[in-house]
C-alpha atoms as a PDB file:
ATOM      1  CA  MET A   1     -16.792  -5.213   0.523  1.00  0.00           C
ATOM      2  CA  GLN A   2     -18.125  -1.951  -0.448  1.00  0.00           C
ATOM      3  CA  GLN A   3     -15.798   1.311  -1.438  1.00  0.00           C
ATOM      4  CA  GLN A   4     -17.343   4.505  -0.656  1.00  0.00           C
ATOM      5  CA  LEU A   5     -14.934   7.106  -1.982  1.00  0.00           C
ATOM      6  CA  GLY A   6     -15.658  10.624  -0.385  1.00  0.00           C
ATOM      7  CA  ALA A   7     -17.123   9.303   2.837  1.00  0.00           C
ATOM      8  CA  CYS A   8     -14.135  10.543   4.590  1.00  0.00           C
ATOM      9  CA  THR A   9     -12.612  13.675   3.245  1.00  0.00           C
ATOM     10  CA  GLY A  10      -8.695  14.939   2.681  1.00  0.00           C
ATOM     11  CA  GLY A  11      -6.912  11.452   1.816  1.00  0.00           C
ATOM     12  CA  ALA A  12      -4.963   9.280   3.766  1.00  0.00           C
ATOM     13  CA  THR A  13      -3.496  12.107   5.921  1.00  0.00           C
ATOM     14  CA  GLY A  14      -6.926  14.208   5.728  1.00  0.00           C
ATOM     15  CA  THR A  15      -8.317  15.386   9.551  1.00  0.00           C
ATOM     16  CA  GLN A  16     -11.315  13.103   9.127  1.00  0.00           C
ATOM     17  CA  ILE A  17      -9.209  10.050   8.622  1.00  0.00           C
ATOM     18  CA  GLN A  18      -6.689  10.724  11.270  1.00  0.00           C
ATOM     19  CA  GLY A  19      -9.610  12.503  13.394  1.00  0.00           C
ATOM     20  CA  PHE A  20     -10.831   8.994  13.758  1.00  0.00           C
ATOM     21  CA  ILE A  21      -7.398   7.268  14.504  1.00  0.00           C
ATOM     22  CA  THR A  22      -6.114   9.645  17.065  1.00  0.00           C
ATOM     23  CA  ASN A  23     -10.011   9.601  18.694  1.00  0.00           C
ATOM     24  CA  CYS A  24     -11.369   6.659  18.526  1.00  0.00           C
ATOM     25  CA  THR A  25      -8.467   3.933  18.363  1.00  0.00           C
ATOM     26  CA  GLY A  26      -5.201   2.747  20.029  1.00  0.00           C
ATOM     27  CA  SER A  27      -3.238   4.208  22.997  1.00  0.00           C
ATOM     28  CA  THR A  28      -4.710   7.747  22.394  1.00  0.00           C
ATOM     29  CA  GLY A  29      -8.534   6.990  22.165  1.00  0.00           C
ATOM     30  CA  SER A  30     -11.432   6.427  24.074  1.00  0.00           C
ATOM     31  CA  GLN A  31     -15.355   6.211  23.662  1.00  0.00           C
ATOM     32  CA  ALA A  32     -15.500   9.841  25.110  1.00  0.00           C
ATOM     33  CA  LEU A  33     -13.040  10.824  22.494  1.00  0.00           C
ATOM     34  CA  CYS A  34     -14.711   9.140  19.585  1.00  0.00           C
ATOM     35  CA  THR A  35     -18.183  10.547  20.581  1.00  0.00           C
ATOM     36  CA  THR A  36     -17.167  14.001  20.810  1.00  0.00           C
ATOM     37  CA  TRP A  37     -14.952  13.222  17.189  1.00  0.00           C
ATOM     38  CA  GLN A  38     -18.100  12.114  15.568  1.00  0.00           C
ATOM     39  CA  GLN A  39     -20.825  14.891  16.772  1.00  0.00           C
ATOM     40  CA  ALA A  40     -18.550  17.111  15.752  1.00  0.00           C
ATOM     41  CA  ALA A  41     -19.590  17.410  12.501  1.00  0.00           C
ATOM     42  CA  ALA A  42     -22.436  15.430  10.405  1.00  0.00           C
ATOM     43  CA  ALA A  43     -19.817  14.517   8.122  1.00  0.00           C
ATOM     44  CA  ASN A  44     -17.810  12.644  10.650  1.00  0.00           C
ATOM     45  CA  VAL A  45     -21.036  10.240  11.091  1.00  0.00           C
ATOM     46  CA  THR A  46     -20.911   9.404   7.291  1.00  0.00           C
ATOM     47  CA  CYS A  47     -16.856   8.820   7.439  1.00  0.00           C
ATOM     48  CA  LEU A  48     -17.534   6.415  10.679  1.00  0.00           C
ATOM     49  CA  GLY A  49     -20.312   4.664   9.008  1.00  0.00           C
ATOM     50  CA  CYS A  50     -17.798   4.155   6.038  1.00  0.00           C
ATOM     51  CA  ILE A  51     -15.009   2.587   8.203  1.00  0.00           C
ATOM     52  CA  ILE A  52     -16.931   0.424  10.453  1.00  0.00           C
ATOM     53  CA  GLY A  53     -19.157  -0.227   7.298  1.00  0.00           C
ATOM     54  CA  ALA A  54     -22.441  -2.587   7.502  1.00  0.00           C
ATOM     55  CA  GLY A  55     -21.231  -6.619   7.879  1.00  0.00           C
ATOM     56  CA  ASP A  56     -24.199  -8.648   8.088  1.00  0.00           C
ATOM     57  CA  GLY A  57     -23.102  -9.352  12.078  1.00  0.00           C
ATOM     58  CA  THR A  58     -21.342 -12.354  11.405  1.00  0.00           C
ATOM     59  CA  THR A  59     -17.529 -13.359  11.955  1.00  0.00           C
ATOM     60  CA  GLY A  60     -15.247 -12.046   9.457  1.00  0.00           C
ATOM     61  CA  THR A  61     -17.865  -9.614   7.717  1.00  0.00           C
ATOM     62  CA  SER A  62     -18.035  -5.782   7.291  1.00  0.00           C
ATOM     63  CA  ALA A  63     -18.068  -3.445   4.099  1.00  0.00           C
ATOM     64  CA  GLY A  64     -15.888  -0.884   5.952  1.00  0.00           C
ATOM     65  CA  ALA A  65     -12.520  -0.219   6.603  1.00  0.00           C
ATOM     66  CA  GLU A  66     -12.670  -2.783   9.457  1.00  0.00           C
ATOM     67  CA  VAL A  67     -13.627  -6.336   9.517  1.00  0.00           C
ATOM     68  CA  LEU A  68     -15.038  -7.872  12.585  1.00  0.00           C
ATOM     69  CA  ASP A  69     -13.142 -10.530  14.323  1.00  0.00           C
ATOM     70  CA  TYR A  70     -14.318 -14.175  15.085  1.00  0.00           C
ATOM     71  CA  SER A  71     -15.235 -13.401  18.904  1.00  0.00           C
ATOM     72  CA  MET A  72     -17.615 -10.524  17.240  1.00  0.00           C
ATOM     73  CA  MET A  73     -15.937  -8.250  19.692  1.00  0.00           C
ATOM     74  CA  TYR A  74     -12.812  -6.514  17.894  1.00  0.00           C
ATOM     75  CA  TYR A  75     -12.232  -5.170  14.448  1.00  0.00           C
ATOM     76  CA  PHE A  76      -9.273  -5.142  12.479  1.00  0.00           C
ATOM     77  CA  PRO A  77      -7.978  -3.112   9.531  1.00  0.00           C
ATOM     78  CA  ASN A  78      -9.797  -4.981   6.303  1.00  0.00           C
ATOM     79  CA  THR A  79      -6.537  -5.534   4.248  1.00  0.00           C
ATOM     80  CA  PRO A  80      -8.167  -7.974   2.268  1.00  0.00           C
ATOM     81  CA  GLY A  81     -10.845  -5.786   1.357  1.00  0.00           C
ATOM     82  CA  CYS A  82      -7.922  -2.965   0.472  1.00  0.00           C
ATOM     83  CA  LEU A  83      -5.831  -5.547  -1.585  1.00  0.00           C
ATOM     84  CA  ALA A  84      -8.994  -6.581  -3.525  1.00  0.00           C
ATOM     85  CA  LEU A  85      -9.329  -2.722  -4.397  1.00  0.00           C
ATOM     86  CA  THR A  86      -5.886  -1.525  -5.130  1.00  0.00           C
ATOM     87  CA  ASN A  87      -4.754  -5.036  -7.020  1.00  0.00           C
ATOM     88  CA  PRO A  88      -7.066  -6.042 -10.024  1.00  0.00           C
ATOM     89  CA  SER A  89      -4.488  -8.362 -11.341  1.00  0.00           C
ATOM     90  CA  GLY A  90      -4.694 -11.041  -7.941  1.00  0.00           C
ATOM     91  CA  GLY A  91      -5.989  -8.686  -5.129  1.00  0.00           C
ATOM     92  CA  ALA A  92      -9.321 -10.397  -4.911  1.00  0.00           C
ATOM     93  CA  ALA A  93      -8.244 -14.083  -5.324  1.00  0.00           C
ATOM     94  CA  CYS A  94      -5.945 -13.227  -2.161  1.00  0.00           C
ATOM     95  CA  ALA A  95      -8.667 -11.269  -0.379  1.00  0.00           C
ATOM     96  CA  ALA A  96     -10.873 -14.772  -0.351  1.00  0.00           C
ATOM     97  CA  ALA A  97      -7.709 -16.560   0.984  1.00  0.00           C
ATOM     98  CA  LEU A  98      -6.370 -13.991   3.254  1.00  0.00           C
ATOM     99  CA  SER A  99      -9.747 -13.246   5.330  1.00  0.00           C
ATOM    100  CA  PRO A 100     -10.247 -16.831   6.717  1.00  0.00           C
ATOM    101  CA  SER A 101      -6.567 -17.748   7.128  1.00  0.00           C
ATOM    102  CA  TRP A 102      -6.376 -15.066   9.840  1.00  0.00           C
ATOM    103  CA  GLN A 103      -9.835 -15.921  11.120  1.00  0.00           C
ATOM    104  CA  CYS A 104      -8.158 -18.929  11.511  1.00  0.00           C
ATOM    105  CA  GLU A 105      -5.032 -17.421  13.429  1.00  0.00           C
ATOM    106  CA  GLN A 106      -7.365 -15.612  15.470  1.00  0.00           C
ATOM    107  CA  VAL A 107      -8.860 -18.635  16.577  1.00  0.00           C
ATOM    108  CA  ALA A 108      -5.854 -20.806  17.335  1.00  0.00           C
ATOM    109  CA  CYS A 109      -3.900 -18.001  19.118  1.00  0.00           C
ATOM    110  CA  GLY A 110      -6.571 -16.082  20.682  1.00  0.00           C
ATOM    111  CA  SER A 111      -6.915 -17.744  23.930  1.00  0.00           C
ATOM    112  CA  ALA A 112      -6.458 -15.192  27.020  1.00  0.00           C
ATOM    113  CA  ALA A 113      -2.728 -16.906  27.263  1.00  0.00           C
ATOM    114  CA  CYS A 114      -1.743 -16.345  24.131  1.00  0.00           C
ATOM    115  CA  GLN A 115      -2.896 -12.530  23.640  1.00  0.00           C
ATOM    116  CA  ALA A 116      -0.454 -11.975  26.976  1.00  0.00           C
ATOM    117  CA  ALA A 117       2.166 -13.876  25.261  1.00  0.00           C
ATOM    118  CA  THR A 118       5.541 -12.000  23.776  1.00  0.00           C
ATOM    119  CA  SER A 119       5.515 -10.772  19.958  1.00  0.00           C
ATOM    120  CA  ALA A 120       7.852 -13.923  19.685  1.00  0.00           C
ATOM    121  CA  GLU A 121       5.771 -16.542  21.459  1.00  0.00           C
ATOM    122  CA  PHE A 122       2.709 -15.248  19.344  1.00  0.00           C
ATOM    123  CA  THR A 123       4.358 -15.320  16.366  1.00  0.00           C
ATOM    124  CA  ALA A 124       5.489 -18.881  17.215  1.00  0.00           C
ATOM    125  CA  CYS A 125       1.833 -19.607  17.780  1.00  0.00           C
ATOM    126  CA  VAL A 126       0.856 -18.591  14.481  1.00  0.00           C
ATOM    127  CA  THR A 127       3.525 -20.241  12.710  1.00  0.00           C
ATOM    128  CA  ALA A 128       2.409 -23.196  14.276  1.00  0.00           C
ATOM    129  CA  ALA A 129      -0.987 -23.002  13.139  1.00  0.00           C
ATOM    130  CA  ASP A 130      -0.030 -22.166   9.766  1.00  0.00           C
ATOM    131  CA  ALA A 131       2.352 -25.251   9.259  1.00  0.00           C
ATOM    132  CA  THR A 132       1.616 -28.551   7.691  1.00  0.00           C
ATOM    133  CA  GLY A 133      -0.919 -30.406  10.582  1.00  0.00           C
ATOM    134  CA  GLY A 134      -1.653 -26.799  11.979  1.00  0.00           C
ATOM    135  CA  ALA A 135      -5.189 -25.971  12.934  1.00  0.00           C
ATOM    136  CA  CYS A 136      -5.064 -23.142  10.042  1.00  0.00           C
ATOM    137  CA  ALA A 137      -2.492 -25.476   7.067  1.00  0.00           C
ATOM    138  CA  THR A 138      -5.500 -25.471   4.786  1.00  0.00           C
ATOM    139  CA  GLN A 139      -5.994 -21.612   4.982  1.00  0.00           C
ATOM    140  CA  SER A 140      -2.463 -20.835   5.080  1.00  0.00           C
ATOM    141  CA  ALA A 141      -2.096 -22.818   1.977  1.00  0.00           C
ATOM    142  CA  ALA A 142      -4.545 -21.056  -0.036  1.00  0.00           C
ATOM    143  CA  VAL A 143      -3.148 -17.807   1.135  1.00  0.00           C
ATOM    144  CA  THR A 144       0.539 -19.226  -0.588  1.00  0.00           C
ATOM    145  CA  ALA A 145      -1.439 -20.083  -3.504  1.00  0.00           C
ATOM    146  CA  ASN A 146      -3.183 -16.634  -4.459  1.00  0.00           C
ATOM    147  CA  CYS A 147      -1.513 -14.113  -2.586  1.00  0.00           C
ATOM    148  CA  ALA A 148       2.285 -14.001  -4.031  1.00  0.00           C
ATOM    149  CA  GLY A 149       1.569 -11.399  -6.388  1.00  0.00           C
ATOM    150  CA  PRO A 150      -0.563  -9.254  -4.093  1.00  0.00           C
ATOM    151  CA  LEU A 151       1.712  -9.445  -0.984  1.00  0.00           C
ATOM    152  CA  ASP A 152       4.502  -8.940  -3.027  1.00  0.00           C
ATOM    153  CA  GLY A 153       5.995  -5.698  -1.300  1.00  0.00           C
ATOM    154  CA  GLY A 154       4.445  -3.883  -4.006  1.00  0.00           C
ATOM    155  CA  ALA A 155       2.339  -0.145  -3.785  1.00  0.00           C
ATOM    156  CA  ALA A 156      -0.956  -2.365  -3.542  1.00  0.00           C
ATOM    157  CA  ASP A 157       0.693  -4.165  -0.719  1.00  0.00           C
ATOM    158  CA  THR A 158       2.278  -1.138   1.345  1.00  0.00           C
ATOM    159  CA  THR A 159      -0.649   0.679   1.013  1.00  0.00           C
ATOM    160  CA  CYS A 160      -2.756  -2.132   2.418  1.00  0.00           C
ATOM    161  CA  ALA A 161      -0.482  -3.199   5.259  1.00  0.00           C
ATOM    162  CA  GLU A 162      -2.273  -3.530   8.692  1.00  0.00           C
ATOM    163  CA  SER A 163      -0.112  -0.954  10.143  1.00  0.00           C
ATOM    164  CA  ASN A 164      -1.200   1.356   6.932  1.00  0.00           C
ATOM    165  CA  PHE A 165      -4.447   1.740   8.970  1.00  0.00           C
ATOM    166  CA  ALA A 166      -4.961   5.156   7.480  1.00  0.00           C
ATOM    167  CA  GLY A 167      -3.993   4.127   4.179  1.00  0.00           C
ATOM    168  CA  ILE A 168      -6.656   1.202   4.199  1.00  0.00           C
ATOM    169  CA  ILE A 169      -9.200   3.857   5.648  1.00  0.00           C
ATOM    170  CA  ASN A 170      -8.252   6.213   2.330  1.00  0.00           C
ATOM    171  CA  VAL A 171      -8.958   3.336  -0.123  1.00  0.00           C
ATOM    172  CA  ILE A 172     -12.097   2.036   1.025  1.00  0.00           C
ATOM    173  CA  CYS A 173     -13.703   5.390   2.393  1.00  0.00           C
ATOM    174  CA  GLY A 174     -11.450   8.488   1.155  1.00  0.00           C
ATOM    175  CA  THR A 175      -9.883   9.473  -2.720  1.00  0.00           C
ATOM    176  CA  GLY A 176      -9.332   5.593  -3.185  1.00  0.00           C
ATOM    177  CA  GLN A 177      -5.228   5.940  -3.286  1.00  0.00           C
END
């Protein structure tokens, strides 16, 4: 994880970060829109380089605001890296536990049937995987042991929530706040 402050300008609500989210992710994004956004300004290339980061090409690695999942096909927000940067008292230990736990849950519940499941069914799969005797019990126990402080609903937790992708990008590639 390498923080690159200033790679994306304007903070979490800045035009670069919002431009990336609008053009390159979710239901509003597409490859064509993302390419157009990237080519609109040289600074967008720098910003995108920080967001995607430079991992070593293996599962769960990235130096950026996104992390490559176990299938090496999908990225998810780098909440662990964000926590490591925003919570100096316990963020690094939590990040070291959280990333393998998420990877395990993705493997345990990543089948086509699970991906097509309802939100409640997917949550039930993750809960079962994390339970004692489940496929991810060891990783889940490490999260419980190391993340009580960083995942307590405080400022670092809110900023680094997986649903706050703009905030995560800003911590890693923007103003750092």
